[in-house]
Amino acid sequence: MKVRRIQDLAGFRDLASVWSEVARESGQTSPFLSHDWFECCWIASEPRRRPELLLVEDTAGPVALVPMVGWAGALRRLPVRYLGMLDSPDTAFVDWLVVGPPDTAVRAVLDHLDGRRDWDILALSGLPAGSATLKAISVQVAERFRVQALPSIPSPYVSVSGSWDEFWASTSQRFKKTLRSVRNRLEKAGRVSIEEHRHAGPDSAAFQALLDVSRRSWKAPRALAIATMPGMAEFFARLTERASAQGWLHLWLLSLDGRPVASEYQLEGDGRVYALRADVDESVPEDLSPGSHLSGEIVRALFGRAGVHEYNMGPGDNPYKSRWATGAQETARLRAFRPGVYGASLHGLESRVIPVLRRLRGGEPRS
């Protein structure tokens, strides 16, 4: 097998048809593994991040696609050249697209990386815990590199394959009372309306309303909102156009007296609906909780919807999400350190020095 490295956007775009074929043959058809998604991620990458694609081929043609990105960072204040999976801040999960058993393709990629001198740490994050490729990577990486396994990240989900009435009956009285109180307070405050948009363009009223709510959220002054985070408005504009064309888009807006005050942006694929971003107008009194009401109405709407069996609420241990969740998907994280003195030193720092300091200080030292 040979590995070809593509480092320019034009070369990446030229592989759109190859990508579709590999995705179809591998059965990896999620929006988050599509050429459209990774092209949006590639274009939105900061200047300091260097996207690339590793194309693995055998004598019959392409057998694997590995979108990656390199960047300069730090570990415990030491300079580090990282190489990781190409993603965006809102990626639900990542994976390598591999046709057939992944062992041979994984070996080819690791051979390629072993021969490169432009990275210190291979940071693999976001791969589904049940991924066959992750299992092959974990075994083979440990055979040739020093490895550090990091805690996995849970993504709570609600199983919506049954009926809403059955789900509602299974919740606690306190949960029911909370949701009813939120609804009653909102309805007393004004006229409540909820819209779901499956098709929208960057210039559409729905997308502009999403940006408007984003600008009025608590995230905006911290440059964490779609409208204020560098590159994110452009990323979501491109994604919205492509997601509309592919049938992935769910854009939800809750309005109070005609003014949008809460939003949620979702993608649907393989029977799962993924929440990427949720925002609430900070000027709305906190006790009205329009975001909580919108979440509840979204869950209610998804129950019984043809072809949908899961609502993924996004990564993290959020207490509000856990009150809804019926389970959680796990994504793995691991680091591999490049052979050599510096890689060995970084690994020793993380595997031996830091744990000792943590025990002595009773906490995690600053990175």
Protein backbone atom coordinates (compact mmCIF):
# COMPACT_ATOMS: atom_id res chain seq x y z
CA MET A 1 0.00 0.00 0.00
CA LYS A 2 1.09 3.57 -0.59
CA VAL A 3 0.07 6.78 1.13
CA ARG A 4 -0.39 9.97 -0.84
CA ARG A 5 -0.41 13.27 1.07
CA ILE A 6 -2.69 16.05 -0.25
CA GLN A 7 -1.99 19.48 1.27
CA ASP A 8 -3.91 21.91 -0.95
CA LEU A 9 -7.63 22.59 -1.12
CA ALA A 10 -7.78 22.11 -4.89
CA GLY A 11 -6.32 18.61 -4.55
CA PHE A 12 -8.81 17.84 -1.79
CA ARG A 13 -11.72 19.04 -3.90
CA ASP A 14 -10.60 16.87 -6.81
CA LEU A 15 -11.21 13.80 -4.63
CA ALA A 16 -14.95 14.40 -4.10
CA SER A 17 -16.00 11.49 -6.31
CA VAL A 18 -13.35 9.19 -4.81
CA TRP A 19 -14.60 10.18 -1.36
CA SER A 20 -18.19 9.25 -2.22
CA GLU A 21 -17.06 5.85 -3.45
CA VAL A 22 -14.93 5.09 -0.37
CA ALA A 23 -17.72 6.26 1.96
CA ARG A 24 -20.24 4.06 0.17
CA GLU A 25 -18.00 0.97 0.16
CA SER A 26 -17.01 1.45 3.80
CA GLY A 27 -20.57 2.12 4.95
CA GLN A 28 -19.43 5.35 6.65
CA THR A 29 -22.13 7.70 5.43
CA SER A 30 -22.52 10.08 8.37
CA PRO A 31 -22.52 13.80 7.50
CA PHE A 32 -19.49 14.16 9.80
CA LEU A 33 -17.47 11.84 7.56
CA SER A 34 -18.55 13.40 4.27
CA HIS A 35 -16.45 15.33 1.78
CA ASP A 36 -18.83 18.29 2.25
CA TRP A 37 -18.20 18.39 6.01
CA PHE A 38 -14.43 18.15 5.77
CA GLU A 39 -14.29 20.75 3.01
CA CYS A 40 -16.13 23.16 5.33
CA CYS A 41 -13.64 22.30 8.09
CA TRP A 42 -10.69 22.74 5.72
CA ILE A 43 -11.80 26.19 4.54
CA ALA A 44 -12.58 27.32 8.10
CA SER A 45 -9.19 26.26 9.49
CA GLU A 46 -7.22 29.08 11.06
CA PRO A 47 -4.08 30.18 9.19
CA ARG A 48 -1.95 28.52 11.87
CA ARG A 49 -3.60 25.15 11.25
CA ARG A 50 -2.48 23.14 8.21
CA PRO A 51 -5.10 20.72 6.86
CA GLU A 52 -4.04 17.68 4.87
CA LEU A 53 -5.48 14.44 3.60
CA LEU A 54 -3.76 11.06 3.64
CA LEU A 55 -5.04 8.95 0.76
CA VAL A 56 -4.21 5.26 1.13
CA GLU A 57 -4.20 3.21 -2.08
CA ASP A 58 -3.55 -0.39 -3.01
CA THR A 59 -3.18 -1.85 -6.48
CA ALA A 60 -6.95 -1.65 -7.04
CA GLY A 61 -7.29 2.00 -5.97
CA PRO A 62 -8.18 4.07 -2.87
CA VAL A 63 -8.92 2.11 0.32
CA ALA A 64 -8.74 4.76 3.06
CA LEU A 65 -9.10 8.50 3.63
CA VAL A 66 -7.61 10.18 6.70
CA PRO A 67 -8.29 13.96 7.03
CA MET A 68 -5.73 15.51 9.37
CA VAL A 69 -4.45 18.89 10.52
CA GLY A 70 -1.14 20.07 11.95
CA TRP A 71 -0.64 22.98 14.30
CA ALA A 72 1.90 24.48 16.71
CA GLY A 73 0.86 24.39 20.34
CA ALA A 74 2.17 23.71 23.81
CA LEU A 75 2.14 20.96 26.41
CA ARG A 76 2.93 22.05 29.97
CA ARG A 77 4.29 25.26 28.42
CA LEU A 78 6.69 23.36 26.18
CA PRO A 79 6.44 23.94 22.41
CA VAL A 80 4.83 21.02 20.60
CA ARG A 81 4.07 20.31 16.95
CA TYR A 82 0.72 18.54 16.96
CA LEU A 83 -0.87 16.39 14.28
CA GLY A 84 -4.51 15.45 14.75
CA MET A 85 -7.82 14.81 13.02
CA LEU A 86 -9.31 17.60 10.89
CA ASP A 87 -12.43 18.86 12.64
CA SER A 88 -14.35 21.93 13.75
CA PRO A 89 -15.33 23.02 17.28
CA ASP A 90 -18.73 21.42 16.62
CA THR A 91 -17.65 18.03 15.28
CA ALA A 92 -19.73 15.27 16.85
CA PHE A 93 -17.12 12.60 16.06
CA VAL A 94 -14.35 11.81 13.59
CA ASP A 95 -13.03 8.60 12.08
CA TRP A 96 -10.84 7.24 9.31
CA LEU A 97 -12.80 6.11 6.26
CA VAL A 98 -11.54 2.60 5.53
CA VAL A 99 -12.79 -0.01 3.06
CA GLY A 100 -12.66 -3.49 4.63
CA PRO A 101 -10.69 -4.53 7.73
CA PRO A 102 -8.65 -1.50 8.87
CA ASP A 103 -5.40 -3.17 10.04
CA THR A 104 -3.46 -2.90 6.76
CA ALA A 105 -4.53 0.69 6.06
CA VAL A 106 -3.72 1.72 9.65
CA ARG A 107 -0.27 0.16 9.32
CA ALA A 108 0.36 2.08 6.09
CA VAL A 109 -0.64 5.39 7.68
CA LEU A 110 1.50 4.79 10.76
CA ASP A 111 4.46 3.83 8.56
CA HIS A 112 3.99 7.11 6.73
CA LEU A 113 3.80 9.12 9.95
CA ASP A 114 6.78 7.28 11.41
CA GLY A 115 8.86 8.54 8.49
CA ARG A 116 7.85 12.18 8.96
CA ARG A 117 9.69 14.68 11.13
CA ASP A 118 7.09 17.46 11.26
CA TRP A 119 5.22 16.38 14.40
CA ASP A 120 5.92 15.66 18.07
CA ILE A 121 2.50 14.45 19.27
CA LEU A 122 -0.16 12.62 17.31
CA ALA A 123 -3.36 13.75 19.05
CA LEU A 124 -6.26 11.49 18.09
CA SER A 125 -9.52 12.73 19.60
CA GLY A 126 -13.17 12.20 18.83
CA LEU A 127 -13.06 8.65 17.43
CA PRO A 128 -16.14 6.61 18.47
CA ALA A 129 -15.30 4.16 21.24
CA GLY A 130 -16.77 1.32 19.16
CA SER A 131 -14.88 2.16 15.97
CA ALA A 132 -13.05 -0.80 14.41
CA THR A 133 -10.44 1.65 13.15
CA LEU A 134 -9.85 2.98 16.67
CA LYS A 135 -9.22 -0.57 17.90
CA ALA A 136 -6.66 -1.16 15.15
CA ILE A 137 -5.03 2.22 15.80
CA SER A 138 -4.83 1.60 19.56
CA VAL A 139 -3.05 -1.74 19.07
CA GLN A 140 -0.62 -0.62 16.39
CA VAL A 141 0.21 2.78 17.89
CA ALA A 142 1.17 1.09 21.16
CA GLU A 143 3.51 -1.24 19.27
CA ARG A 144 5.62 1.55 17.82
CA PHE A 145 5.11 4.77 19.82
CA ARG A 146 4.88 5.86 23.43
CA VAL A 147 1.18 6.37 24.13
CA GLN A 148 -0.94 8.26 26.62
CA ALA A 149 -4.63 7.38 26.90
CA LEU A 150 -6.86 10.27 27.99
CA PRO A 151 -10.36 10.11 29.49
CA SER A 152 -13.08 9.62 26.90
CA ILE A 153 -15.76 12.26 26.31
CA PRO A 154 -19.44 11.32 26.71
CA SER A 155 -22.15 12.62 24.40
CA PRO A 156 -25.58 12.18 26.03
CA TYR A 157 -28.41 11.07 23.77
CA VAL A 158 -32.13 10.43 23.94
CA SER A 159 -33.46 7.28 22.30
CA VAL A 160 -36.50 8.43 20.31
CA SER A 161 -37.42 5.09 18.77
CA GLY A 162 -40.48 4.60 21.03
CA SER A 163 -43.36 6.99 21.66
CA TRP A 164 -43.34 10.37 23.38
CA ASP A 165 -46.10 9.26 25.75
CA GLU A 166 -44.04 6.28 26.92
CA PHE A 167 -40.96 8.45 27.40
CA TRP A 168 -42.91 11.15 29.24
CA ALA A 169 -44.47 8.55 31.55
CA SER A 170 -40.99 7.26 32.42
CA THR A 171 -39.75 10.66 33.67
CA SER A 172 -39.93 11.80 37.27
CA GLN A 173 -42.69 14.03 38.63
CA ARG A 174 -40.07 16.68 39.39
CA PHE A 175 -38.91 16.63 35.77
CA LYS A 176 -42.46 16.98 34.48
CA LYS A 177 -43.19 19.82 36.90
CA THR A 178 -40.06 21.71 35.83
CA LEU A 179 -40.93 21.53 32.14
CA ARG A 180 -44.55 22.54 32.73
CA SER A 181 -43.43 25.51 34.83
CA VAL A 182 -41.06 26.66 32.10
CA ARG A 183 -43.81 26.41 29.48
CA ASN A 184 -46.30 28.30 31.65
CA ARG A 185 -43.86 31.13 32.41
CA LEU A 186 -43.00 31.53 28.73
CA GLU A 187 -46.64 31.58 27.64
CA LYS A 188 -47.41 34.25 30.22
CA ALA A 189 -44.51 36.36 28.94
CA GLY A 190 -45.76 36.46 25.36
CA ARG A 191 -46.74 34.53 22.26
CA VAL A 192 -44.48 31.50 21.82
CA SER A 193 -43.84 30.02 18.37
CA ILE A 194 -41.40 27.34 17.23
CA GLU A 195 -40.14 26.77 13.69
CA GLU A 196 -38.10 23.93 12.21
CA HIS A 197 -36.31 24.62 8.93
CA ARG A 198 -35.06 21.73 6.80
CA HIS A 199 -33.93 23.95 3.94
CA ALA A 200 -32.17 27.29 4.35
CA GLY A 201 -29.47 29.28 2.63
CA PRO A 202 -26.83 31.61 4.06
CA ASP A 203 -29.00 34.62 3.13
CA SER A 204 -32.28 33.12 4.33
CA ALA A 205 -34.32 34.70 7.10
CA ALA A 206 -33.95 31.54 9.20
CA PHE A 207 -30.13 31.51 9.06
CA GLN A 208 -29.94 35.24 9.70
CA ALA A 209 -32.23 34.79 12.72
CA LEU A 210 -29.88 32.07 14.01
CA LEU A 211 -26.95 34.50 13.72
CA ASP A 212 -28.98 37.22 15.42
CA VAL A 213 -29.73 34.99 18.44
CA SER A 214 -26.06 34.03 18.49
CA ARG A 215 -25.01 37.71 18.67
CA ARG A 216 -27.29 38.19 21.69
CA SER A 217 -26.10 35.09 23.57
CA TRP A 218 -23.68 35.01 26.52
CA LYS A 219 -21.12 33.45 24.18
CA ALA A 220 -20.90 36.48 21.89
CA PRO A 221 -18.66 38.76 24.01
CA ARG A 222 -16.34 35.79 24.62
CA ALA A 223 -15.96 35.16 20.87
CA LEU A 224 -17.55 31.72 21.30
CA ALA A 225 -20.78 32.36 19.38
CA ILE A 226 -21.34 31.41 15.75
CA ALA A 227 -21.53 35.10 14.88
CA THR A 228 -18.40 36.17 16.79
CA MET A 229 -16.06 33.16 16.82
CA PRO A 230 -13.44 33.65 14.07
CA GLY A 231 -14.46 31.79 10.92
CA MET A 232 -17.60 30.21 12.39
CA ALA A 233 -20.22 32.34 10.63
CA GLU A 234 -18.61 31.46 7.30
CA PHE A 235 -18.31 27.79 8.32
CA PHE A 236 -22.00 27.53 9.20
CA ALA A 237 -23.03 29.48 6.09
CA ARG A 238 -21.25 26.94 3.86
CA LEU A 239 -22.47 24.02 5.94
CA THR A 240 -26.08 25.23 5.84
CA GLU A 241 -26.07 25.38 2.06
CA ARG A 242 -24.59 21.87 1.75
CA ALA A 243 -26.68 20.37 4.56
CA SER A 244 -29.85 21.71 2.92
CA ALA A 245 -28.89 20.11 -0.38
CA GLN A 246 -28.08 16.77 1.29
CA GLY A 247 -31.19 16.67 3.52
CA TRP A 248 -29.18 16.85 6.76
CA LEU A 249 -30.32 20.20 8.09
CA HIS A 250 -32.56 20.88 11.09
CA LEU A 251 -32.54 24.55 12.13
CA TRP A 252 -34.84 25.32 15.05
CA LEU A 253 -35.97 28.77 16.22
CA LEU A 254 -38.12 29.71 19.21
CA SER A 255 -39.68 33.17 19.03
CA LEU A 256 -41.33 35.23 21.74
CA ASP A 257 -43.85 37.72 20.32
CA GLY A 258 -42.28 37.22 16.90
CA ARG A 259 -38.69 37.78 17.99
CA PRO A 260 -36.31 34.76 17.84
CA VAL A 261 -34.80 34.23 21.31
CA ALA A 262 -33.52 30.63 21.21
CA SER A 263 -32.05 28.44 18.49
CA GLU A 264 -30.58 25.01 17.86
CA TYR A 265 -28.61 23.89 14.81
CA GLN A 266 -28.66 20.18 14.02
CA LEU A 267 -27.50 17.71 11.40
CA GLU A 268 -29.24 14.38 10.73
CA GLY A 269 -27.63 11.25 9.37
CA ASP A 270 -27.91 7.47 9.74
CA GLY A 271 -31.04 7.83 11.87
CA ARG A 272 -29.37 10.19 14.37
CA VAL A 273 -29.97 13.89 14.91
CA TYR A 274 -26.95 15.75 16.31
CA ALA A 275 -27.17 19.10 18.09
CA LEU A 276 -24.19 21.21 17.02
CA ARG A 277 -25.03 24.59 18.51
CA ALA A 278 -27.72 25.97 20.83
CA ASP A 279 -28.04 29.64 21.77
CA VAL A 280 -30.33 31.81 23.86
CA ASP A 281 -30.84 35.57 23.83
CA GLU A 282 -29.21 36.77 27.06
CA SER A 283 -31.64 39.67 27.36
CA VAL A 284 -34.51 37.26 28.05
CA PRO A 285 -35.03 36.82 31.82
CA GLU A 286 -33.26 33.67 32.98
CA ASP A 287 -36.33 32.22 34.68
CA LEU A 288 -38.17 32.04 31.33
CA SER A 289 -35.66 29.41 30.08
CA PRO A 290 -36.58 29.50 26.36
CA GLY A 291 -33.68 27.17 25.56
CA SER A 292 -35.03 24.52 27.93
CA HIS A 293 -38.49 24.79 26.40
CA LEU A 294 -37.08 24.52 22.89
CA SER A 295 -35.10 21.40 23.85
CA GLY A 296 -38.23 19.78 25.22
CA GLU A 297 -40.23 20.57 22.10
CA ILE A 298 -37.46 19.23 19.88
CA VAL A 299 -37.39 15.93 21.76
CA ARG A 300 -41.18 15.69 21.58
CA ALA A 301 -41.13 16.36 17.83
CA LEU A 302 -38.43 13.76 17.13
CA PHE A 303 -40.33 10.94 18.84
CA GLY A 304 -42.08 8.90 16.22
CA ARG A 305 -40.43 10.74 13.32
CA ALA A 306 -39.78 8.28 10.52
CA GLY A 307 -36.17 7.23 10.16
CA VAL A 308 -34.92 8.89 13.37
CA HIS A 309 -34.04 6.79 16.42
CA GLU A 310 -31.59 8.96 18.39
CA TYR A 311 -31.16 12.60 19.40
CA ASN A 312 -27.55 13.33 20.33
CA MET A 313 -27.41 16.42 22.56
CA GLY A 314 -23.71 17.20 22.11
CA PRO A 315 -20.55 16.29 24.04
CA GLY A 316 -19.96 16.99 27.71
CA ASP A 317 -21.33 16.23 31.17
CA ASN A 318 -24.04 18.87 31.28
CA PRO A 319 -26.55 18.30 34.15
CA TYR A 320 -29.41 19.53 31.99
CA LYS A 321 -28.55 17.06 29.22
CA SER A 322 -28.33 14.19 31.70
CA ARG A 323 -31.88 14.83 32.86
CA TRP A 324 -33.08 14.04 29.34
CA ALA A 325 -30.53 11.40 28.36
CA THR A 326 -31.27 7.70 28.05
CA GLY A 327 -27.61 6.88 27.32
CA ALA A 328 -24.31 8.31 26.13
CA GLN A 329 -21.97 7.72 23.23
CA GLU A 330 -18.26 7.81 24.09
CA THR A 331 -15.48 9.25 21.95
CA ALA A 332 -11.89 8.28 22.68
CA ARG A 333 -8.76 10.39 23.08
CA LEU A 334 -5.15 9.28 22.90
CA ARG A 335 -1.74 10.78 22.29
CA ALA A 336 1.20 9.15 20.57
CA PHE A 337 4.68 10.65 20.99
CA ARG A 338 7.11 10.63 18.08
CA PRO A 339 10.22 8.49 18.64
CA GLY A 340 13.27 10.46 19.70
CA VAL A 341 14.60 12.34 22.68
CA TYR A 342 12.01 15.11 22.65
CA GLY A 343 9.04 12.79 22.24
CA ALA A 344 10.37 10.56 25.02
CA SER A 345 10.81 13.60 27.26
CA LEU A 346 7.25 14.80 26.64
CA HIS A 347 5.88 11.33 27.33
CA GLY A 348 7.92 11.03 30.52
CA LEU A 349 6.64 14.41 31.66
CA GLU A 350 3.02 13.36 31.13
CA SER A 351 3.26 9.76 32.34
CA ARG A 352 5.57 10.17 35.34
CA VAL A 353 6.29 13.76 36.40
CA ILE A 354 2.79 15.20 36.16
CA PRO A 355 1.09 12.35 38.09
CA VAL A 356 3.60 12.83 40.92
CA LEU A 357 3.01 16.59 40.98
CA ARG A 358 -0.72 16.04 40.91
CA ARG A 359 -0.56 13.81 43.97
CA LEU A 360 1.67 16.28 45.80
CA ARG A 361 -0.42 19.33 44.98
CA GLY A 362 -3.81 17.66 45.09
CA GLY A 363 -4.80 18.89 41.64
CA GLU A 364 -3.87 19.27 38.02
CA PRO A 365 -0.97 21.68 37.35
CA ARG A 366 -1.55 24.31 34.73
CA SER A 367 -0.66 23.39 31.15
